[in-house]
Protein backbone atom coordinates (compact mmCIF):
# COMPACT_ATOMS: atom_id res chain seq x y z
CA MET A 1 9.57 15.36 -13.61
CA ASN A 2 8.08 12.73 -15.88
CA ASN A 3 4.86 11.22 -14.60
CA THR A 4 4.86 8.08 -16.69
CA ALA A 5 3.36 5.23 -14.41
CA GLY A 6 6.28 3.38 -15.88
CA SER A 7 4.82 3.32 -19.33
CA TYR A 8 6.41 4.77 -22.53
CA ALA A 9 2.97 6.03 -23.43
CA LEU A 10 3.43 9.00 -21.09
CA VAL A 11 7.16 9.84 -21.50
CA GLY A 12 7.20 13.52 -22.15
CA ALA A 13 3.68 14.11 -21.01
CA LYS A 14 3.14 17.31 -18.90
CA ALA A 15 0.73 17.63 -15.99
CA PRO A 16 -0.74 21.12 -15.37
CA SER A 17 0.66 21.34 -11.85
CA ASP A 18 2.18 19.56 -8.98
CA SER A 19 -0.19 17.28 -7.08
CA THR A 20 -1.53 18.71 -3.77
CA ILE A 21 0.63 16.30 -1.94
CA ALA A 22 3.85 17.41 -3.65
CA LYS A 23 2.87 20.99 -3.31
CA LYS A 24 2.28 20.63 0.43
CA LEU A 25 5.65 18.72 0.80
CA ARG A 26 7.52 21.55 -0.98
CA GLU A 27 5.81 24.20 1.25
CA ALA A 28 6.99 22.30 4.35
CA GLY A 29 10.58 22.46 3.04
CA ALA A 30 10.84 18.97 1.43
CA ILE A 31 13.23 18.53 -1.43
CA ILE A 32 11.95 16.14 -3.93
CA LEU A 33 14.90 14.37 -5.46
CA GLY A 34 13.40 11.69 -7.71
CA LYS A 35 10.76 8.97 -8.11
CA THR A 36 10.57 5.25 -7.67
CA ASN A 37 10.07 2.77 -10.45
CA PRO A 38 6.47 1.36 -9.81
CA SER A 39 4.84 -1.81 -11.12
CA GLU A 40 3.58 -0.40 -14.46
CA TRP A 41 0.22 1.50 -14.03
CA GLY A 42 0.32 0.83 -10.30
CA SER A 43 0.04 -2.86 -10.82
CA PHE A 44 -2.79 -2.31 -13.12
CA ARG A 45 -1.96 -3.60 -16.62
CA ILE A 46 -0.49 -7.07 -16.17
CA PRO A 47 -2.29 -9.87 -14.28
CA TRP A 48 -1.44 -10.37 -10.54
CA ASP A 49 0.61 -13.56 -11.33
CA SER A 50 3.24 -11.34 -13.03
CA SER A 51 6.14 -9.40 -11.65
CA ASN A 52 5.84 -6.82 -8.99
CA GLY A 53 7.95 -3.80 -9.65
CA TRP A 54 8.32 -4.28 -13.33
CA SER A 55 7.59 -1.46 -15.78
CA ALA A 56 8.45 -0.96 -19.42
CA TYR A 57 10.09 2.40 -18.81
CA GLY A 58 12.05 1.53 -15.62
CA GLY A 59 12.74 -2.13 -15.81
CA GLN A 60 12.63 -4.47 -12.76
CA THR A 61 12.89 -3.31 -9.30
CA TYR A 62 14.22 -5.74 -6.79
CA GLY A 63 13.98 -5.93 -2.98
CA ALA A 64 17.37 -5.37 -1.10
CA PHE A 65 17.36 -8.25 1.25
CA TYR A 66 17.76 -11.28 -1.07
CA PRO A 67 19.00 -11.69 -4.67
CA HIS A 68 16.06 -11.10 -7.06
CA GLN A 69 13.76 -10.44 -4.17
CA ASP A 70 10.03 -9.59 -4.99
CA PRO A 71 9.80 -5.88 -3.95
CA SER A 72 5.98 -6.16 -3.54
CA GLY A 73 3.67 -3.70 -5.06
CA SER A 74 3.69 -0.75 -2.71
CA SER A 75 7.40 -1.04 -1.94
CA SER A 76 8.34 -0.73 -5.62
CA GLY A 77 6.42 2.52 -5.89
CA SER A 78 2.88 1.55 -6.76
CA ALA A 79 1.65 2.98 -3.36
CA VAL A 80 1.94 6.36 -5.07
CA ALA A 81 -0.19 5.41 -8.00
CA ALA A 82 -3.68 5.50 -6.43
CA SER A 83 -6.94 4.55 -7.97
CA GLU A 84 -10.22 5.96 -6.49
CA ARG A 85 -11.70 3.57 -3.90
CA MET A 86 -8.92 1.10 -3.01
CA ASP A 87 -5.85 3.31 -2.53
CA THR A 88 -4.62 6.32 -0.70
CA ILE A 89 -1.30 8.27 -0.47
CA GLY A 90 0.95 7.42 2.52
CA PRO A 91 4.57 7.68 3.41
CA ILE A 92 7.26 4.91 3.51
CA THR A 93 9.88 6.08 5.84
CA LYS A 94 12.80 4.78 8.09
CA THR A 95 10.95 5.48 11.36
CA VAL A 96 7.32 6.08 12.48
CA LYS A 97 8.18 9.69 13.55
CA ASP A 98 9.51 10.38 10.06
CA SER A 99 6.18 9.32 8.83
CA ALA A 100 4.37 11.39 11.43
CA TYR A 101 6.20 14.51 10.10
CA VAL A 102 5.28 13.71 6.54
CA LEU A 103 1.68 13.08 7.44
CA GLN A 104 1.63 16.36 9.43
CA SER A 105 2.68 18.22 6.25
CA ILE A 106 0.18 16.64 3.86
CA VAL A 107 -2.96 16.10 5.86
CA GLY A 108 -6.01 18.21 5.11
CA THR A 109 -8.64 18.76 2.23
CA ASP A 110 -7.70 18.74 -1.48
CA VAL A 111 -9.95 20.60 -3.84
CA TYR A 112 -9.16 18.01 -6.38
CA ASP A 113 -10.13 15.07 -4.26
CA ASN A 114 -13.80 15.23 -2.98
CA TYR A 115 -13.16 12.37 -0.53
CA THR A 116 -11.06 14.56 1.61
CA SER A 117 -14.07 16.82 2.20
CA THR A 118 -15.45 14.22 4.43
CA ILE A 119 -12.63 14.56 7.06
CA PRO A 120 -14.26 15.49 10.37
CA ASP A 121 -13.46 18.92 11.77
CA ASN A 122 -12.49 17.46 15.09
CA VAL A 123 -10.33 14.56 13.91
CA ASP A 124 -6.84 14.30 15.55
CA LYS A 125 -4.23 15.51 13.06
CA ASP A 126 -1.35 15.82 15.57
CA PHE A 127 0.53 12.88 14.24
CA VAL A 128 3.91 14.06 15.66
CA GLY A 129 2.32 14.65 19.09
CA ALA A 130 0.84 11.15 19.07
CA CYS A 131 4.31 9.64 19.15
CA LYS A 132 4.42 8.88 22.83
CA LEU A 133 6.17 5.91 24.50
CA THR A 134 3.09 5.57 26.67
CA ALA A 135 0.64 5.24 23.88
CA LEU A 136 0.19 1.49 24.32
CA LYS A 137 -0.76 1.85 28.03
CA GLY A 138 -4.57 0.92 28.25
CA ALA A 139 -4.92 0.27 24.53
CA ARG A 140 -7.32 -2.56 23.52
CA LEU A 141 -5.86 -4.51 20.60
CA GLY A 142 -7.66 -7.19 18.70
CA VAL A 143 -6.16 -10.25 16.96
CA PRO A 144 -8.40 -11.74 14.32
CA ARG A 145 -7.18 -15.28 14.69
CA ASN A 146 -9.30 -16.72 11.89
CA VAL A 147 -7.43 -14.34 9.39
CA ILE A 148 -4.11 -15.57 10.52
CA SER A 149 -5.28 -19.23 10.16
CA LEU A 150 -6.73 -18.74 6.72
CA MET A 151 -3.75 -16.92 5.37
CA SER A 152 -0.85 -18.86 6.87
CA ASP A 153 1.17 -21.36 4.82
CA ASN A 154 4.52 -23.02 5.02
CA THR A 155 6.24 -19.78 4.22
CA THR A 156 4.88 -17.95 7.23
CA ASP A 157 6.04 -20.03 10.25
CA SER A 158 8.62 -17.53 11.41
CA MET A 159 6.56 -14.60 10.77
CA ILE A 160 3.63 -16.01 12.97
CA ALA A 161 6.14 -16.92 15.65
CA ALA A 162 7.53 -13.44 15.72
CA PHE A 163 3.99 -11.93 15.69
CA ASN A 164 3.05 -13.88 18.74
CA ASN A 165 6.17 -12.98 20.56
CA THR A 166 5.50 -9.35 19.84
CA LEU A 167 2.08 -9.61 21.43
CA ASP A 168 3.86 -10.10 24.66
CA ILE A 169 5.77 -6.83 24.16
CA LEU A 170 2.37 -5.12 23.74
CA ARG A 171 1.04 -6.66 26.95
CA SER A 172 4.18 -5.61 28.87
CA ALA A 173 3.62 -2.07 27.74
CA GLY A 174 0.14 -2.09 29.27
CA ALA A 175 -2.05 -3.08 26.25
CA SER A 176 -4.93 -5.58 26.44
CA VAL A 177 -4.70 -8.19 23.61
CA ILE A 178 -8.05 -9.71 22.71
CA ASP A 179 -8.51 -12.79 20.31
CA THR A 180 -11.25 -11.89 17.86
CA ASP A 181 -12.35 -13.06 14.35
CA PHE A 182 -13.48 -11.26 11.19
CA PRO A 183 -16.94 -12.98 10.48
CA ALA A 184 -16.70 -12.65 6.68
CA ALA A 185 -12.99 -13.37 6.36
CA GLN A 186 -13.36 -16.73 4.53
CA ASP A 187 -15.96 -15.32 2.12
CA PHE A 188 -13.87 -12.34 1.49
CA LEU A 189 -10.77 -14.26 0.56
CA ASN A 190 -12.81 -16.59 -1.64
CA ASP A 191 -14.27 -13.69 -3.50
CA THR A 192 -11.13 -13.16 -5.58
CA LEU A 193 -12.70 -11.00 -8.39
CA LEU A 194 -14.30 -8.41 -6.23
CA ALA A 195 -11.36 -6.11 -5.57
CA LEU A 196 -10.49 -6.28 -9.32
CA GLN A 197 -14.11 -5.50 -10.32
CA ILE A 198 -14.05 -2.33 -8.03
CA MET A 199 -10.61 -1.08 -9.24
CA SER A 200 -11.30 -1.84 -12.82
CA ALA A 201 -14.59 0.18 -12.76
CA ASP A 202 -12.66 3.08 -11.12
CA PHE A 203 -9.70 2.92 -13.53
CA VAL A 204 -11.70 3.15 -16.70
CA VAL A 205 -13.06 6.50 -15.49
CA ASN A 206 -10.05 7.72 -13.67
CA ILE A 207 -7.58 7.20 -16.40
CA GLU A 208 -9.67 9.11 -18.89
CA SER A 209 -10.05 11.96 -16.38
CA TYR A 210 -6.34 12.05 -15.92
CA LEU A 211 -5.36 11.97 -19.54
CA LYS A 212 -7.72 14.96 -20.18
CA GLN A 213 -5.86 17.04 -17.58
CA LEU A 214 -2.39 16.76 -19.41
CA THR A 215 -1.20 19.84 -21.00
CA HIS A 216 0.89 17.80 -23.30
CA ASN A 217 -0.11 14.38 -24.36
CA PRO A 218 2.58 12.96 -26.52
CA HIS A 219 0.39 10.23 -28.23
CA ASN A 220 -3.01 11.87 -27.90
CA ILE A 221 -4.32 8.90 -25.95
CA SER A 222 -7.56 9.74 -24.27
CA THR A 223 -9.27 6.48 -23.14
CA LEU A 224 -8.18 3.08 -21.79
CA LEU A 225 -9.11 1.56 -25.12
CA GLU A 226 -6.73 3.82 -26.92
CA LEU A 227 -3.96 3.21 -24.15
CA ARG A 228 -4.28 -0.60 -24.65
CA ALA A 229 -4.08 -0.37 -28.44
CA TRP A 230 -0.98 1.85 -28.16
CA THR A 231 0.63 -0.38 -25.61
CA ARG A 232 0.06 -3.47 -27.69
CA GLN A 233 1.52 -2.02 -30.80
CA SER A 234 4.59 -0.43 -29.22
CA PRO A 235 7.89 -2.46 -29.34
CA LEU A 236 8.97 -0.77 -26.06
CA GLU A 237 6.11 -2.19 -23.94
CA SER A 238 7.10 -5.85 -24.03
CA TYR A 239 3.70 -7.02 -25.38
CA PRO A 240 2.62 -9.88 -25.54
CA ALA A 241 5.19 -11.26 -23.17
CA LYS A 242 3.84 -8.69 -20.58
CA SER A 243 0.05 -8.88 -21.22
CA THR A 244 -2.69 -6.30 -20.83
CA GLY A 245 -4.87 -8.77 -19.02
CA VAL A 246 -6.12 -6.51 -16.29
CA TRP A 247 -7.23 -3.81 -18.90
CA ASP A 248 -8.85 -6.46 -20.93
CA PHE A 249 -10.98 -7.37 -17.85
CA ALA A 250 -11.61 -3.76 -17.15
CA LEU A 251 -12.88 -3.06 -20.61
CA GLU A 252 -15.21 -6.05 -20.53
CA ASN A 253 -16.51 -5.03 -17.08
CA TRP A 254 -18.77 -2.14 -16.05
CA ASP A 255 -17.50 1.22 -15.01
CA ASN A 256 -18.23 3.03 -11.65
CA THR A 257 -21.42 4.62 -12.71
CA THR A 258 -23.43 1.50 -13.11
CA PRO A 259 -25.92 -0.27 -10.72
CA GLU A 260 -23.51 -3.42 -10.90
CA PHE A 261 -20.71 -1.43 -9.65
CA TRP A 262 -22.46 -0.16 -6.60
CA GLN A 263 -23.70 -3.65 -5.73
CA ALA A 264 -20.06 -4.91 -5.89
CA TYR A 265 -18.86 -1.96 -3.74
CA GLN A 266 -21.63 -2.49 -1.19
CA LYS A 267 -20.55 -6.15 -1.01
CA GLY A 268 -17.02 -5.02 -0.34
CA LEU A 269 -18.10 -2.68 2.35
CA TYR A 270 -19.84 -5.63 4.20
CA TYR A 271 -16.71 -7.59 4.09
CA ASP A 272 -14.68 -4.92 5.81
CA VAL A 273 -17.42 -3.21 7.97
CA GLU A 274 -20.01 -5.60 9.47
CA GLY A 275 -18.00 -8.64 8.53
CA GLY A 276 -14.56 -7.39 8.97
CA LEU A 277 -12.27 -4.71 10.43
CA LEU A 278 -14.56 -1.82 11.21
CA GLY A 279 -17.26 -4.08 12.73
CA THR A 280 -14.74 -5.87 14.88
CA ILE A 281 -13.27 -2.78 16.20
CA LYS A 282 -16.80 -1.43 17.23
CA ARG A 283 -18.01 -4.61 18.65
CA HIS A 284 -15.01 -5.20 20.91
CA GLY A 285 -14.32 -1.46 21.72
CA LEU A 286 -10.84 -1.83 20.24
CA ASP A 287 -8.32 0.90 19.66
CA ALA A 288 -6.77 -1.12 16.79
CA VAL A 289 -6.46 -4.52 15.23
CA VAL A 290 -3.04 -6.06 14.86
CA LEU A 291 -1.90 -8.47 12.10
CA PRO A 292 1.30 -9.50 10.33
CA SER A 293 1.66 -6.85 7.58
CA LYS A 294 1.50 -9.56 4.87
CA PHE A 295 -2.17 -10.19 5.92
CA SER A 296 -3.29 -6.75 6.69
CA TRP A 297 -3.92 -4.53 3.68
CA TYR A 298 -6.71 -6.65 2.31
CA PHE A 299 -8.97 -5.80 5.20
CA ALA A 300 -8.30 -2.14 5.29
CA ALA A 301 -8.50 -1.08 1.56
CA VAL A 302 -12.11 -1.35 0.79
CA ALA A 303 -13.17 0.15 4.19
CA GLY A 304 -10.92 3.17 3.56
CA ALA A 305 -9.25 2.44 7.06
CA PRO A 306 -5.70 3.38 7.99
CA VAL A 307 -2.77 0.96 8.42
CA VAL A 308 0.64 1.48 9.93
CA SER A 309 3.42 -1.20 9.42
CA ILE A 310 6.60 -1.39 11.27
CA PRO A 311 9.49 -3.93 10.98
CA MET A 312 8.83 -7.17 13.18
CA GLY A 313 11.77 -9.48 12.08
CA ALA A 314 13.05 -11.47 9.17
CA MET A 315 12.40 -14.96 7.75
CA GLY A 316 14.59 -17.74 9.19
CA ASP A 317 15.51 -21.11 7.57
CA GLU A 318 12.55 -21.09 4.98
CA GLN A 319 13.52 -22.39 1.59
CA PRO A 320 13.47 -19.70 -1.15
CA VAL A 321 10.10 -19.60 -3.03
CA LEU A 322 9.69 -18.18 -6.47
CA VAL A 323 6.44 -16.13 -6.85
CA ASP A 324 6.28 -15.54 -10.60
CA PRO A 325 7.49 -16.80 -13.91
CA ASP A 326 10.25 -14.09 -13.93
CA GLY A 327 11.97 -15.75 -11.11
CA LEU A 328 11.29 -13.20 -8.25
CA VAL A 329 11.79 -14.67 -4.81
CA GLY A 330 8.90 -14.08 -2.42
CA SER A 331 10.11 -16.00 0.64
CA ALA A 332 13.80 -16.54 1.67
CA PRO A 333 16.08 -16.31 4.74
CA GLY A 334 16.63 -12.69 5.75
CA ILE A 335 13.70 -11.19 3.99
CA PRO A 336 12.04 -8.89 6.51
CA PHE A 337 8.38 -8.79 7.51
CA GLY A 338 6.16 -6.41 9.42
CA PHE A 339 3.67 -5.86 12.15
CA SER A 340 0.53 -3.84 11.35
CA PHE A 341 -1.91 -1.75 13.28
CA LEU A 342 -5.24 -1.22 11.56
CA GLY A 343 -7.51 1.48 12.83
CA GLU A 344 -10.94 2.88 12.39
CA LYS A 345 -11.70 5.59 9.93
CA TRP A 346 -9.88 8.83 10.73
CA GLY A 347 -8.04 7.03 13.46
CA ASP A 348 -4.56 7.63 11.84
CA ALA A 349 -3.06 9.47 14.68
CA LYS A 350 -4.01 6.82 17.20
CA ILE A 351 -2.47 3.98 15.31
CA VAL A 352 0.64 6.19 14.53
CA GLY A 353 1.00 6.53 18.31
CA LEU A 354 0.62 2.72 18.91
CA ALA A 355 3.17 1.92 16.33
CA TYR A 356 5.64 4.46 17.61
CA ALA A 357 5.42 3.03 21.16
CA MET A 358 6.00 -0.48 19.86
CA GLU A 359 8.86 0.61 17.54
CA GLN A 360 10.71 2.17 20.45
CA ARG A 361 10.45 -1.07 22.36
CA THR A 362 11.54 -3.47 19.57
CA ARG A 363 14.09 -1.49 17.48
CA VAL A 364 14.05 -4.30 14.85
CA ARG A 365 14.89 -2.14 11.82
CA GLY A 366 18.65 -2.02 12.46
CA GLU A 367 18.90 -5.76 12.96
CA VAL A 368 17.73 -6.71 9.39
CA LYS A 369 20.60 -6.35 7.08
CA PRO A 370 20.14 -5.84 3.26
CA VAL A 371 22.31 -7.79 0.78
CA VAL A 372 22.28 -4.66 -1.47
CA ARG A 373 23.54 -1.39 -0.13
CA PRO A 374 23.55 2.09 -1.66
CA TRP A 375 26.84 3.02 -3.24
CA THR A 376 25.81 6.70 -3.59
CA GLU A 377 25.06 8.99 -0.55
CA LEU A 378 22.93 12.04 -0.74
CA GLY A 379 26.00 14.24 -0.17
CA ASP A 380 27.51 12.83 -3.46
CA VAL A 381 24.50 14.02 -5.47
CA VAL A 382 23.82 17.41 -4.03
CA GLY A 383 27.29 18.32 -2.74
CA ARG A 384 28.60 19.08 0.76
CA LYS A 385 29.42 22.46 2.30
């Protein structure tokens, strides 16, 4: 299949082999039918105030729950376009147990990814076995109240109400819910350039490494500088209406081999370790931290910590809110929101179990109805016996 990152620059390019993840899925019996349309280059070309889910090659992806709904970055496919220190691969499935089966198939070391060599030998990898209704009994769950206060606005009222109601369900299942704070949350949210600096430094190096691996490179692009030049001159890439602002920043910044990068990365670790998620888990002896999903990913990404999100409800009477110049709707009645469990490093199986136990008690997914429904079933594509 084409691996384009949504760009015409890679249409027709050939990678030397399947990724380790795709290889493991095939070996487990999975059938890969197609690919999503990501935000171009994993949301890493156009500045953050532009459209989620847009790519030159694939067009605009929309969410299914409101006309012109913002699909968010991960949900439009960018979750599969990882850069080195801020992202990882993970499944998006209908149920927690479906995710557990996928994780069971792909977990382990990867000779092409040195980070996986640090997985402890004794880490719990039985994700399917973790899916027990009793998983919440005795669990200690922290709620960083200052994060919720700092990130709430007039579009999150129904989300916060549903979150607080869900905490009662956790308590009734035998969990202890402890109010906590992330000490550095305010500084982290104010430090708006830090994540961009870290990802930019990785991207400059990582994209060059990826392009060198291609067995067929249709435009002989080998660096980010060359990729930017090709994108700007191509009539297919919608430049300058869709800018290259993130790449401009990356090329003016340092790469991930410099002392400046290491200082920025250490600062990020402080925000998510001593000042954030991992430090809070350790100080309070927690099994996990819980947050509305909209607020959760910031605080796990730099720390390299796992997150599981499950459906919690849908927006109520909030007025539709446009989130970008192209008219994508970020908040509106009926748009679903989630509840997230954030764990310590290598604690994936534990939070999968916690999420499963909650999912079985709430069963929210079937209550939220999309306005767009598929008109093609799998049987129409692959045939029926």
